[in-house]
mmCIF file of all heavy atoms, coordinates in Angstrom:
data_MODEL
# 
_entry.id   MODEL 
# 
loop_
_atom_site.group_PDB 
_atom_site.id 
_atom_site.type_symbol 
_atom_site.label_atom_id 
_atom_site.label_alt_id 
_atom_site.label_comp_id 
_atom_site.label_asym_id 
_atom_site.label_entity_id 
_atom_site.label_seq_id 
_atom_site.pdbx_PDB_ins_code 
_atom_site.Cartn_x 
_atom_site.Cartn_y 
_atom_site.Cartn_z 
_atom_site.occupancy 
_atom_site.B_iso_or_equiv 
_atom_site.pdbx_formal_charge 
_atom_site.auth_seq_id 
_atom_site.auth_comp_id 
_atom_site.auth_asym_id 
_atom_site.auth_atom_id 
_atom_site.pdbx_PDB_model_num 
ATOM 1   N N   . LEU A 1 1  ? -8.926  4.159  5.894  1.00 0.00 ? 1  LEU A N   1 
ATOM 2   C CA  . LEU A 1 1  ? -9.084  3.408  4.636  1.00 0.00 ? 1  LEU A CA  1 
ATOM 3   C C   . LEU A 1 1  ? -8.592  4.208  3.490  1.00 0.00 ? 1  LEU A C   1 
ATOM 4   O O   . LEU A 1 1  ? -8.885  5.387  3.372  1.00 0.00 ? 1  LEU A O   1 
ATOM 5   C CB  . LEU A 1 1  ? -10.572 3.088  4.462  1.00 0.00 ? 1  LEU A CB  1 
ATOM 6   C CG  . LEU A 1 1  ? -10.899 2.063  3.333  1.00 0.00 ? 1  LEU A CG  1 
ATOM 7   C CD1 . LEU A 1 1  ? -10.303 0.704  3.676  1.00 0.00 ? 1  LEU A CD1 1 
ATOM 8   C CD2 . LEU A 1 1  ? -12.365 1.900  3.040  1.00 0.00 ? 1  LEU A CD2 1 
ATOM 9   N N   . GLY A 1 2  ? -7.673  3.666  2.724  1.00 0.00 ? 2  GLY A N   1 
ATOM 10  C CA  . GLY A 1 2  ? -7.070  4.395  1.593  1.00 0.00 ? 2  GLY A CA  1 
ATOM 11  C C   . GLY A 1 2  ? -5.787  5.206  1.920  1.00 0.00 ? 2  GLY A C   1 
ATOM 12  O O   . GLY A 1 2  ? -5.162  5.663  1.053  1.00 0.00 ? 2  GLY A O   1 
ATOM 13  N N   . GLU A 1 3  ? -5.504  5.336  3.269  1.00 0.00 ? 3  GLU A N   1 
ATOM 14  C CA  . GLU A 1 3  ? -4.372  6.105  3.655  1.00 0.00 ? 3  GLU A CA  1 
ATOM 15  C C   . GLU A 1 3  ? -3.115  5.337  3.861  1.00 0.00 ? 3  GLU A C   1 
ATOM 16  O O   . GLU A 1 3  ? -3.147  4.345  4.526  1.00 0.00 ? 3  GLU A O   1 
ATOM 17  C CB  . GLU A 1 3  ? -4.741  6.861  4.975  1.00 0.00 ? 3  GLU A CB  1 
ATOM 18  C CG  . GLU A 1 3  ? -3.679  7.752  5.538  1.00 0.00 ? 3  GLU A CG  1 
ATOM 19  C CD  . GLU A 1 3  ? -4.058  8.308  6.834  1.00 0.00 ? 3  GLU A CD  1 
ATOM 20  O OE1 . GLU A 1 3  ? -4.008  7.663  7.857  1.00 0.00 ? 3  GLU A OE1 1 
ATOM 21  O OE2 . GLU A 1 3  ? -4.504  9.559  6.775  1.00 0.00 ? 3  GLU A OE2 1 
ATOM 22  N N   . GLY A 1 4  ? -2.049  5.729  3.146  1.00 0.00 ? 4  GLY A N   1 
ATOM 23  C CA  . GLY A 1 4  ? -0.846  4.985  3.261  1.00 0.00 ? 4  GLY A CA  1 
ATOM 24  C C   . GLY A 1 4  ? -0.932  3.667  2.600  1.00 0.00 ? 4  GLY A C   1 
ATOM 25  O O   . GLY A 1 4  ? -1.881  3.304  2.006  1.00 0.00 ? 4  GLY A O   1 
ATOM 26  N N   . ILE A 1 5  ? 0.127   2.895  2.654  1.00 0.00 ? 5  ILE A N   1 
ATOM 27  C CA  . ILE A 1 5  ? 0.124   1.539  1.979  1.00 0.00 ? 5  ILE A CA  1 
ATOM 28  C C   . ILE A 1 5  ? -0.870  0.652  2.718  1.00 0.00 ? 5  ILE A C   1 
ATOM 29  O O   . ILE A 1 5  ? -1.611  -0.052 2.011  1.00 0.00 ? 5  ILE A O   1 
ATOM 30  C CB  . ILE A 1 5  ? 1.556   0.972  1.993  1.00 0.00 ? 5  ILE A CB  1 
ATOM 31  C CG1 . ILE A 1 5  ? 2.482   1.828  1.053  1.00 0.00 ? 5  ILE A CG1 1 
ATOM 32  C CG2 . ILE A 1 5  ? 1.600   -0.476 1.527  1.00 0.00 ? 5  ILE A CG2 1 
ATOM 33  C CD1 . ILE A 1 5  ? 3.927   1.403  1.047  1.00 0.00 ? 5  ILE A CD1 1 
ATOM 34  N N   . THR A 1 6  ? -0.859  0.674  4.014  1.00 0.00 ? 6  THR A N   1 
ATOM 35  C CA  . THR A 1 6  ? -1.765  -0.244 4.712  1.00 0.00 ? 6  THR A CA  1 
ATOM 36  C C   . THR A 1 6  ? -3.227  0.121  4.383  1.00 0.00 ? 6  THR A C   1 
ATOM 37  O O   . THR A 1 6  ? -4.038  -0.817 4.170  1.00 0.00 ? 6  THR A O   1 
ATOM 38  C CB  . THR A 1 6  ? -1.547  -0.097 6.281  1.00 0.00 ? 6  THR A CB  1 
ATOM 39  O OG1 . THR A 1 6  ? -0.196  -0.394 6.522  1.00 0.00 ? 6  THR A OG1 1 
ATOM 40  C CG2 . THR A 1 6  ? -2.405  -1.103 6.986  1.00 0.00 ? 6  THR A CG2 1 
ATOM 41  N N   . GLY A 1 7  ? -3.560  1.376  4.367  1.00 0.00 ? 7  GLY A N   1 
ATOM 42  C CA  . GLY A 1 7  ? -4.954  1.814  4.012  1.00 0.00 ? 7  GLY A CA  1 
ATOM 43  C C   . GLY A 1 7  ? -5.315  1.424  2.621  1.00 0.00 ? 7  GLY A C   1 
ATOM 44  O O   . GLY A 1 7  ? -6.441  1.116  2.329  1.00 0.00 ? 7  GLY A O   1 
ATOM 45  N N   . TRP A 1 8  ? -4.325  1.574  1.704  1.00 0.00 ? 8  TRP A N   1 
ATOM 46  C CA  . TRP A 1 8  ? -4.476  1.217  0.278  1.00 0.00 ? 8  TRP A CA  1 
ATOM 47  C C   . TRP A 1 8  ? -4.802  -0.259 0.155  1.00 0.00 ? 8  TRP A C   1 
ATOM 48  O O   . TRP A 1 8  ? -5.704  -0.640 -0.556 1.00 0.00 ? 8  TRP A O   1 
ATOM 49  C CB  . TRP A 1 8  ? -3.301  1.630  -0.577 1.00 0.00 ? 8  TRP A CB  1 
ATOM 50  C CG  . TRP A 1 8  ? -3.594  1.459  -1.985 1.00 0.00 ? 8  TRP A CG  1 
ATOM 51  C CD1 . TRP A 1 8  ? -3.973  2.438  -2.861 1.00 0.00 ? 8  TRP A CD1 1 
ATOM 52  C CD2 . TRP A 1 8  ? -3.411  0.241  -2.805 1.00 0.00 ? 8  TRP A CD2 1 
ATOM 53  N NE1 . TRP A 1 8  ? -4.089  1.941  -4.157 1.00 0.00 ? 8  TRP A NE1 1 
ATOM 54  C CE2 . TRP A 1 8  ? -3.735  0.617  -4.147 1.00 0.00 ? 8  TRP A CE2 1 
ATOM 55  C CE3 . TRP A 1 8  ? -2.999  -0.998 -2.540 1.00 0.00 ? 8  TRP A CE3 1 
ATOM 56  C CZ2 . TRP A 1 8  ? -3.704  -0.304 -5.163 1.00 0.00 ? 8  TRP A CZ2 1 
ATOM 57  C CZ3 . TRP A 1 8  ? -3.004  -1.952 -3.544 1.00 0.00 ? 8  TRP A CZ3 1 
ATOM 58  C CH2 . TRP A 1 8  ? -3.248  -1.581 -4.914 1.00 0.00 ? 8  TRP A CH2 1 
ATOM 59  N N   . VAL A 1 9  ? -3.960  -1.094 0.861  1.00 0.00 ? 9  VAL A N   1 
ATOM 60  C CA  . VAL A 1 9  ? -4.249  -2.568 0.756  1.00 0.00 ? 9  VAL A CA  1 
ATOM 61  C C   . VAL A 1 9  ? -5.645  -2.862 1.375  1.00 0.00 ? 9  VAL A C   1 
ATOM 62  O O   . VAL A 1 9  ? -6.300  -3.678 0.821  1.00 0.00 ? 9  VAL A O   1 
ATOM 63  C CB  . VAL A 1 9  ? -3.136  -3.243 1.622  1.00 0.00 ? 9  VAL A CB  1 
ATOM 64  C CG1 . VAL A 1 9  ? -3.472  -4.751 1.780  1.00 0.00 ? 9  VAL A CG1 1 
ATOM 65  C CG2 . VAL A 1 9  ? -1.832  -3.158 0.797  1.00 0.00 ? 9  VAL A CG2 1 
ATOM 66  N N   . ALA A 1 10 ? -6.088  -2.258 2.466  1.00 0.00 ? 10 ALA A N   1 
ATOM 67  C CA  . ALA A 1 10 ? -7.322  -2.509 3.045  1.00 0.00 ? 10 ALA A CA  1 
ATOM 68  C C   . ALA A 1 10 ? -8.470  -2.138 2.005  1.00 0.00 ? 10 ALA A C   1 
ATOM 69  O O   . ALA A 1 10 ? -9.397  -2.914 1.924  1.00 0.00 ? 10 ALA A O   1 
ATOM 70  C CB  . ALA A 1 10 ? -7.548  -1.720 4.272  1.00 0.00 ? 10 ALA A CB  1 
ATOM 71  N N   . GLN A 1 11 ? -8.280  -1.070 1.414  1.00 0.00 ? 11 GLN A N   1 
ATOM 72  C CA  . GLN A 1 11 ? -9.285  -0.545 0.394  1.00 0.00 ? 11 GLN A CA  1 
ATOM 73  C C   . GLN A 1 11 ? -9.338  -1.431 -0.844 1.00 0.00 ? 11 GLN A C   1 
ATOM 74  O O   . GLN A 1 11 ? -10.467 -1.797 -1.298 1.00 0.00 ? 11 GLN A O   1 
ATOM 75  C CB  . GLN A 1 11 ? -8.987  0.897  0.060  1.00 0.00 ? 11 GLN A CB  1 
ATOM 76  C CG  . GLN A 1 11 ? -10.057 1.486  -0.840 1.00 0.00 ? 11 GLN A CG  1 
ATOM 77  C CD  . GLN A 1 11 ? -9.813  3.026  -1.098 1.00 0.00 ? 11 GLN A CD  1 
ATOM 78  O OE1 . GLN A 1 11 ? -8.629  3.418  -1.177 1.00 0.00 ? 11 GLN A OE1 1 
ATOM 79  N NE2 . GLN A 1 11 ? -10.853 3.736  -1.324 1.00 0.00 ? 11 GLN A NE2 1 
ATOM 80  N N   . HIS A 1 12 ? -8.223  -1.803 -1.340 1.00 0.00 ? 12 HIS A N   1 
ATOM 81  C CA  . HIS A 1 12 ? -8.172  -2.501 -2.642 1.00 0.00 ? 12 HIS A CA  1 
ATOM 82  C C   . HIS A 1 12 ? -8.026  -3.995 -2.506 1.00 0.00 ? 12 HIS A C   1 
ATOM 83  O O   . HIS A 1 12 ? -8.167  -4.747 -3.464 1.00 0.00 ? 12 HIS A O   1 
ATOM 84  C CB  . HIS A 1 12 ? -7.019  -1.989 -3.500 1.00 0.00 ? 12 HIS A CB  1 
ATOM 85  C CG  . HIS A 1 12 ? -7.167  -0.551 -3.873 1.00 0.00 ? 12 HIS A CG  1 
ATOM 86  N ND1 . HIS A 1 12 ? -7.913  -0.194 -4.962 1.00 0.00 ? 12 HIS A ND1 1 
ATOM 87  C CD2 . HIS A 1 12 ? -6.724  0.581  -3.315 1.00 0.00 ? 12 HIS A CD2 1 
ATOM 88  C CE1 . HIS A 1 12 ? -7.907  1.135  -5.098 1.00 0.00 ? 12 HIS A CE1 1 
ATOM 89  N NE2 . HIS A 1 12 ? -7.177  1.650  -4.042 1.00 0.00 ? 12 HIS A NE2 1 
ATOM 90  N N   . ARG A 1 13 ? -7.725  -4.529 -1.221 1.00 0.00 ? 13 ARG A N   1 
ATOM 91  C CA  . ARG A 1 13 ? -7.634  -5.879 -0.926 1.00 0.00 ? 13 ARG A CA  1 
ATOM 92  C C   . ARG A 1 13 ? -6.641  -6.595 -1.764 1.00 0.00 ? 13 ARG A C   1 
ATOM 93  O O   . ARG A 1 13 ? -6.873  -7.704 -2.268 1.00 0.00 ? 13 ARG A O   1 
ATOM 94  C CB  . ARG A 1 13 ? -8.972  -6.611 -0.948 1.00 0.00 ? 13 ARG A CB  1 
ATOM 95  C CG  . ARG A 1 13 ? -9.973  -5.954 0.055  1.00 0.00 ? 13 ARG A CG  1 
ATOM 96  C CD  . ARG A 1 13 ? -11.316 -6.436 -0.092 1.00 0.00 ? 13 ARG A CD  1 
ATOM 97  N NE  . ARG A 1 13 ? -12.119 -5.652 0.923  1.00 0.00 ? 13 ARG A NE  1 
ATOM 98  C CZ  . ARG A 1 13 ? -13.412 -5.824 1.108  1.00 0.00 ? 13 ARG A CZ  1 
ATOM 99  N NH1 . ARG A 1 13 ? -14.033 -6.659 0.350  1.00 0.00 ? 13 ARG A NH1 1 
ATOM 100 N NH2 . ARG A 1 13 ? -14.066 -5.120 1.958  1.00 0.00 ? 13 ARG A NH2 1 
ATOM 101 N N   . GLU A 1 14 ? -5.533  -5.958 -2.075 1.00 0.00 ? 14 GLU A N   1 
ATOM 102 C CA  . GLU A 1 14 ? -4.413  -6.460 -2.844 1.00 0.00 ? 14 GLU A CA  1 
ATOM 103 C C   . GLU A 1 14 ? -3.106  -6.416 -2.044 1.00 0.00 ? 14 GLU A C   1 
ATOM 104 O O   . GLU A 1 14 ? -2.867  -5.409 -1.361 1.00 0.00 ? 14 GLU A O   1 
ATOM 105 C CB  . GLU A 1 14 ? -4.313  -5.688 -4.144 1.00 0.00 ? 14 GLU A CB  1 
ATOM 106 C CG  . GLU A 1 14 ? -5.443  -5.808 -5.086 1.00 0.00 ? 14 GLU A CG  1 
ATOM 107 C CD  . GLU A 1 14 ? -5.159  -4.909 -6.288 1.00 0.00 ? 14 GLU A CD  1 
ATOM 108 O OE1 . GLU A 1 14 ? -4.039  -4.600 -6.669 1.00 0.00 ? 14 GLU A OE1 1 
ATOM 109 O OE2 . GLU A 1 14 ? -6.221  -4.493 -6.908 1.00 0.00 ? 14 GLU A OE2 1 
ATOM 110 N N   . THR A 1 15 ? -2.287  -7.390 -2.210 1.00 0.00 ? 15 THR A N   1 
ATOM 111 C CA  . THR A 1 15 ? -0.976  -7.349 -1.494 1.00 0.00 ? 15 THR A CA  1 
ATOM 112 C C   . THR A 1 15 ? -0.101  -6.367 -2.161 1.00 0.00 ? 15 THR A C   1 
ATOM 113 O O   . THR A 1 15 ? -0.079  -6.145 -3.395 1.00 0.00 ? 15 THR A O   1 
ATOM 114 C CB  . THR A 1 15 ? -0.304  -8.812 -1.643 1.00 0.00 ? 15 THR A CB  1 
ATOM 115 O OG1 . THR A 1 15 ? -1.138  -9.728 -1.001 1.00 0.00 ? 15 THR A OG1 1 
ATOM 116 C CG2 . THR A 1 15 ? 1.084   -8.815 -1.049 1.00 0.00 ? 15 THR A CG2 1 
ATOM 117 N N   . VAL A 1 16 ? 0.709   -5.680 -1.329 1.00 0.00 ? 16 VAL A N   1 
ATOM 118 C CA  . VAL A 1 16 ? 1.690   -4.722 -1.820 1.00 0.00 ? 16 VAL A CA  1 
ATOM 119 C C   . VAL A 1 16 ? 3.080   -5.051 -1.226 1.00 0.00 ? 16 VAL A C   1 
ATOM 120 O O   . VAL A 1 16 ? 3.212   -5.198 -0.061 1.00 0.00 ? 16 VAL A O   1 
ATOM 121 C CB  . VAL A 1 16 ? 1.291   -3.258 -1.480 1.00 0.00 ? 16 VAL A CB  1 
ATOM 122 C CG1 . VAL A 1 16 ? 2.421   -2.265 -1.759 1.00 0.00 ? 16 VAL A CG1 1 
ATOM 123 C CG2 . VAL A 1 16 ? 0.042   -2.835 -2.192 1.00 0.00 ? 16 VAL A CG2 1 
ATOM 124 N N   . LEU A 1 17 ? 4.019   -5.147 -2.106 1.00 0.00 ? 17 LEU A N   1 
ATOM 125 C CA  . LEU A 1 17 ? 5.462   -5.358 -1.746 1.00 0.00 ? 17 LEU A CA  1 
ATOM 126 C C   . LEU A 1 17 ? 6.260   -4.182 -2.238 1.00 0.00 ? 17 LEU A C   1 
ATOM 127 O O   . LEU A 1 17 ? 6.322   -3.941 -3.437 1.00 0.00 ? 17 LEU A O   1 
ATOM 128 C CB  . LEU A 1 17 ? 6.005   -6.597 -2.268 1.00 0.00 ? 17 LEU A CB  1 
ATOM 129 C CG  . LEU A 1 17 ? 7.476   -6.872 -2.117 1.00 0.00 ? 17 LEU A CG  1 
ATOM 130 C CD1 . LEU A 1 17 ? 7.907   -6.802 -0.736 1.00 0.00 ? 17 LEU A CD1 1 
ATOM 131 C CD2 . LEU A 1 17 ? 7.855   -8.247 -2.774 1.00 0.00 ? 17 LEU A CD2 1 
ATOM 132 N N   . VAL A 1 18 ? 6.760   -3.278 -1.363 1.00 0.00 ? 18 VAL A N   1 
ATOM 133 C CA  . VAL A 1 18 ? 7.520   -2.135 -1.742 1.00 0.00 ? 18 VAL A CA  1 
ATOM 134 C C   . VAL A 1 18 ? 8.892   -2.199 -1.087 1.00 0.00 ? 18 VAL A C   1 
ATOM 135 O O   . VAL A 1 18 ? 8.931   -2.133 0.149  1.00 0.00 ? 18 VAL A O   1 
ATOM 136 C CB  . VAL A 1 18 ? 6.848   -0.785 -1.389 1.00 0.00 ? 18 VAL A CB  1 
ATOM 137 C CG1 . VAL A 1 18 ? 7.619   0.454  -1.821 1.00 0.00 ? 18 VAL A CG1 1 
ATOM 138 C CG2 . VAL A 1 18 ? 5.446   -0.746 -1.965 1.00 0.00 ? 18 VAL A CG2 1 
ATOM 139 N N   . ASN A 1 19 ? 9.889   -2.370 -1.901 1.00 0.00 ? 19 ASN A N   1 
ATOM 140 C CA  . ASN A 1 19 ? 11.238  -2.474 -1.279 1.00 0.00 ? 19 ASN A CA  1 
ATOM 141 C C   . ASN A 1 19 ? 12.038  -1.175 -1.201 1.00 0.00 ? 19 ASN A C   1 
ATOM 142 O O   . ASN A 1 19 ? 13.105  -1.169 -0.664 1.00 0.00 ? 19 ASN A O   1 
ATOM 143 C CB  . ASN A 1 19 ? 12.047  -3.563 -2.002 1.00 0.00 ? 19 ASN A CB  1 
ATOM 144 C CG  . ASN A 1 19 ? 11.804  -4.866 -1.391 1.00 0.00 ? 19 ASN A CG  1 
ATOM 145 O OD1 . ASN A 1 19 ? 11.859  -5.075 -0.180 1.00 0.00 ? 19 ASN A OD1 1 
ATOM 146 N ND2 . ASN A 1 19 ? 11.543  -5.868 -2.272 1.00 0.00 ? 19 ASN A ND2 1 
ATOM 147 N N   . ASP A 1 20 ? 11.462  -0.142 -1.669 1.00 0.00 ? 20 ASP A N   1 
ATOM 148 C CA  . ASP A 1 20 ? 11.928  1.187  -1.524 1.00 0.00 ? 20 ASP A CA  1 
ATOM 149 C C   . ASP A 1 20 ? 10.809  2.175  -1.521 1.00 0.00 ? 20 ASP A C   1 
ATOM 150 O O   . ASP A 1 20 ? 10.281  2.492  -2.595 1.00 0.00 ? 20 ASP A O   1 
ATOM 151 C CB  . ASP A 1 20 ? 13.029  1.605  -2.560 1.00 0.00 ? 20 ASP A CB  1 
ATOM 152 C CG  . ASP A 1 20 ? 13.674  2.918  -2.337 1.00 0.00 ? 20 ASP A CG  1 
ATOM 153 O OD1 . ASP A 1 20 ? 13.137  3.732  -1.480 1.00 0.00 ? 20 ASP A OD1 1 
ATOM 154 O OD2 . ASP A 1 20 ? 14.674  3.168  -3.041 1.00 0.00 ? 20 ASP A OD2 1 
ATOM 155 N N   . VAL A 1 21 ? 10.351  2.633  -0.354 1.00 0.00 ? 21 VAL A N   1 
ATOM 156 C CA  . VAL A 1 21 ? 9.147   3.397  -0.319 1.00 0.00 ? 21 VAL A CA  1 
ATOM 157 C C   . VAL A 1 21 ? 9.257   4.735  -1.019 1.00 0.00 ? 21 VAL A C   1 
ATOM 158 O O   . VAL A 1 21 ? 8.265   5.297  -1.451 1.00 0.00 ? 21 VAL A O   1 
ATOM 159 C CB  . VAL A 1 21 ? 8.653   3.579  1.160  1.00 0.00 ? 21 VAL A CB  1 
ATOM 160 C CG1 . VAL A 1 21 ? 8.237   2.291  1.807  1.00 0.00 ? 21 VAL A CG1 1 
ATOM 161 C CG2 . VAL A 1 21 ? 9.666   4.297  1.982  1.00 0.00 ? 21 VAL A CG2 1 
ATOM 162 N N   . THR A 1 22 ? 10.494  5.172  -1.213 1.00 0.00 ? 22 THR A N   1 
ATOM 163 C CA  . THR A 1 22 ? 10.673  6.446  -1.914 1.00 0.00 ? 22 THR A CA  1 
ATOM 164 C C   . THR A 1 22 ? 10.403  6.325  -3.475 1.00 0.00 ? 22 THR A C   1 
ATOM 165 O O   . THR A 1 22 ? 10.201  7.268  -4.147 1.00 0.00 ? 22 THR A O   1 
ATOM 166 C CB  . THR A 1 22 ? 12.056  7.033  -1.716 1.00 0.00 ? 22 THR A CB  1 
ATOM 167 O OG1 . THR A 1 22 ? 13.022  6.117  -2.304 1.00 0.00 ? 22 THR A OG1 1 
ATOM 168 C CG2 . THR A 1 22 ? 12.373  7.286  -0.279 1.00 0.00 ? 22 THR A CG2 1 
ATOM 169 N N   . LYS A 1 23 ? 10.391  5.051  -3.908 1.00 0.00 ? 23 LYS A N   1 
ATOM 170 C CA  . LYS A 1 23 ? 10.148  4.814  -5.340 1.00 0.00 ? 23 LYS A CA  1 
ATOM 171 C C   . LYS A 1 23 ? 8.858   4.054  -5.525 1.00 0.00 ? 23 LYS A C   1 
ATOM 172 O O   . LYS A 1 23 ? 8.634   3.471  -6.634 1.00 0.00 ? 23 LYS A O   1 
ATOM 173 C CB  . LYS A 1 23 ? 11.346  4.022  -5.853 1.00 0.00 ? 23 LYS A CB  1 
ATOM 174 C CG  . LYS A 1 23 ? 12.641  4.654  -5.809 1.00 0.00 ? 23 LYS A CG  1 
ATOM 175 C CD  . LYS A 1 23 ? 13.767  3.830  -6.358 1.00 0.00 ? 23 LYS A CD  1 
ATOM 176 C CE  . LYS A 1 23 ? 15.041  4.611  -6.251 1.00 0.00 ? 23 LYS A CE  1 
ATOM 177 N NZ  . LYS A 1 23 ? 16.222  3.822  -6.638 1.00 0.00 ? 23 LYS A NZ  1 
ATOM 178 N N   . ASP A 1 24 ? 7.932   4.097  -4.627 1.00 0.00 ? 24 ASP A N   1 
ATOM 179 C CA  . ASP A 1 24 ? 6.688   3.438  -4.730 1.00 0.00 ? 24 ASP A CA  1 
ATOM 180 C C   . ASP A 1 24 ? 5.853   4.141  -5.871 1.00 0.00 ? 24 ASP A C   1 
ATOM 181 O O   . ASP A 1 24 ? 5.577   5.313  -5.771 1.00 0.00 ? 24 ASP A O   1 
ATOM 182 C CB  . ASP A 1 24 ? 5.810   3.496  -3.432 1.00 0.00 ? 24 ASP A CB  1 
ATOM 183 C CG  . ASP A 1 24 ? 4.423   2.936  -3.531 1.00 0.00 ? 24 ASP A CG  1 
ATOM 184 O OD1 . ASP A 1 24 ? 4.277   2.014  -4.273 1.00 0.00 ? 24 ASP A OD1 1 
ATOM 185 O OD2 . ASP A 1 24 ? 3.537   3.448  -2.837 1.00 0.00 ? 24 ASP A OD2 1 
# 
Protein backbone atom coordinates (compact mmCIF):
# COMPACT_ATOMS: atom_id res chain seq x y z
CA LEU A 1 0.00 0.00 0.00
CA GLY A 2 1.44 3.36 -1.05
CA GLU A 3 4.33 1.79 -3.00
CA GLY A 4 4.66 2.69 -6.68
CA ILE A 5 1.78 4.00 -8.77
CA THR A 6 -0.40 0.95 -8.09
CA GLY A 7 0.13 1.20 -4.35
CA TRP A 8 -0.53 4.94 -4.45
CA VAL A 9 -3.83 4.37 -6.30
CA ALA A 10 -4.82 1.70 -3.76
CA GLN A 11 -4.04 4.03 -0.87
CA HIS A 12 -5.66 7.18 -2.29
CA ARG A 13 -8.39 5.48 -4.35
CA GLU A 14 -7.83 7.85 -7.27
CA THR A 15 -7.16 7.06 -10.92
CA VAL A 16 -3.67 7.85 -12.20
CA LEU A 17 -2.73 8.28 -15.86
CA VAL A 18 1.00 8.77 -16.46
CA ASN A 19 2.20 8.84 -20.05
CA ASP A 20 5.86 9.27 -19.17
CA VAL A 21 6.79 7.71 -15.84
CA THR A 22 10.08 9.64 -15.78
CA LYS A 23 8.04 12.86 -15.56
CA ASP A 24 5.48 11.70 -12.98
